[in-house]
Protein backbone atom coordinates (compact mmCIF):
# COMPACT_ATOMS: atom_id res chain seq x y z
CA MET A 1 -0.02 0.16 -0.17
CA CYS A 2 1.40 3.32 -0.76
CA LEU A 3 0.20 6.62 0.96
CA SER A 4 0.72 10.10 -0.39
CA ILE A 5 1.04 13.32 1.91
CA PRO A 6 0.17 16.72 0.35
CA ALA A 7 3.63 18.31 -0.13
CA ARG A 8 4.15 22.47 -0.34
CA VAL A 9 5.97 23.51 -3.60
CA ASP A 10 8.74 25.99 -2.35
CA LYS A 11 10.68 26.33 -5.87
CA ILE A 12 10.30 24.88 -9.58
CA LYS A 13 12.98 24.87 -12.13
CA ASP A 14 12.95 23.26 -15.25
CA GLY A 15 9.63 20.68 -14.41
CA VAL A 16 10.75 19.86 -10.77
CA ALA A 17 9.68 21.32 -7.98
CA THR A 18 11.29 21.47 -4.73
CA CYS A 19 8.63 20.50 -2.05
CA THR A 20 8.30 20.30 1.87
CA VAL A 21 6.49 17.60 3.68
CA GLY A 22 6.89 18.54 7.47
CA GLU A 23 10.74 19.42 8.08
CA SER A 24 12.14 17.12 5.09
CA SER A 25 12.27 18.36 1.57
CA TYR A 26 11.94 16.40 -1.91
CA GLU A 27 12.87 16.88 -5.09
CA THR A 28 9.69 16.25 -7.29
CA SER A 29 8.95 15.77 -11.17
CA LEU A 30 5.88 17.95 -12.50
CA ASP A 31 5.64 15.69 -15.55
CA LEU A 32 2.60 13.63 -14.68
CA ILE A 33 0.67 16.89 -14.20
CA SER A 34 2.17 19.36 -16.71
CA ASN A 35 -1.23 20.15 -17.93
CA GLU A 36 -2.09 22.05 -14.47
CA GLU A 37 -0.82 24.90 -13.80
CA ILE A 38 1.57 24.49 -10.56
CA ASN A 39 2.81 27.70 -8.57
CA ILE A 40 4.78 28.45 -5.46
CA GLY A 41 3.08 27.46 -2.52
CA ASP A 42 0.69 24.87 -3.93
CA TYR A 43 0.19 21.63 -2.57
CA VAL A 44 0.64 18.60 -4.55
CA LEU A 45 0.46 14.64 -3.73
CA ILE A 46 3.93 12.92 -4.51
CA HIS A 47 4.48 9.41 -5.15
CA THR A 48 7.73 7.95 -6.04
CA GLY A 49 9.65 11.23 -6.96
CA PHE A 50 6.52 12.28 -8.85
CA ALA A 51 3.68 15.08 -8.45
CA ILE A 52 0.31 12.92 -9.33
CA GLN A 53 -1.99 15.27 -8.37
CA LYS A 54 -2.60 19.36 -7.08
CA LEU A 55 -4.68 19.80 -4.09
CA ASP A 56 -6.57 23.05 -3.26
CA THR A 57 -4.76 24.49 -0.16
CA GLU A 58 -8.02 24.08 2.01
CA GLU A 59 -8.07 20.10 1.39
CA ALA A 60 -4.20 19.91 1.73
CA ASN A 61 -4.75 21.05 5.28
CA LYS A 62 -7.58 18.93 5.73
CA ILE A 63 -5.43 16.22 5.22
CA LEU A 64 -2.40 17.29 7.13
CA SER A 65 -4.49 18.03 10.12
CA THR A 66 -6.13 14.21 9.83
CA PHE A 67 -2.29 13.02 9.89
CA GLU A 68 -1.58 15.49 12.78
CA GLU A 69 -4.33 13.86 14.69
CA PHE A 70 -2.91 10.38 13.70
CA LYS A 71 0.34 11.33 15.26
CA GLU A 72 -1.17 12.51 18.70
CA LEU A 73 -3.06 9.27 19.16
CA ASN A 74 -0.08 7.25 18.39
CA GLU A 75 2.30 9.38 20.57
CA LYS A 76 -0.69 8.73 23.44
CA MET A 77 -1.01 4.91 22.86
CA ASP A 78 2.94 4.92 22.94
CA GLU A 79 2.52 6.29 26.61
CA GLU A 80 0.04 3.92 27.20
CA GLU A 81 1.78 0.80 26.44
CA LYS A 82 4.88 2.23 28.39
CA GLU A 83 2.69 2.74 31.52
CA GLN A 84 1.13 -0.55 31.10
CA ASP A 85 4.32 -2.45 29.89
CA ARG A 86 2.30 -3.82 26.98
CA ARG A 87 1.46 -3.86 23.18
CA ILE A 88 -2.40 -2.13 23.30
CA ILE A 89 -2.45 -3.23 19.35
């Protein structure tokens, strides 16, 4: 199973975008979505080094918010497992 996370476009040069996901940056080909106008500040979904879809900012922020909720839940479960000295899931 593959998972794509919204990445913010920070730079574009010669069909390659430098995109940020959290604190990490990635070089991403825009060849697969070259029919769409991609600008600095836009969000795209990346898969194996290619942007596969442009997202509007509102949708990207909803997805990123959901991932943050999962991260917080995971951290709480880790704490509970340490306290109980056993795996929950």
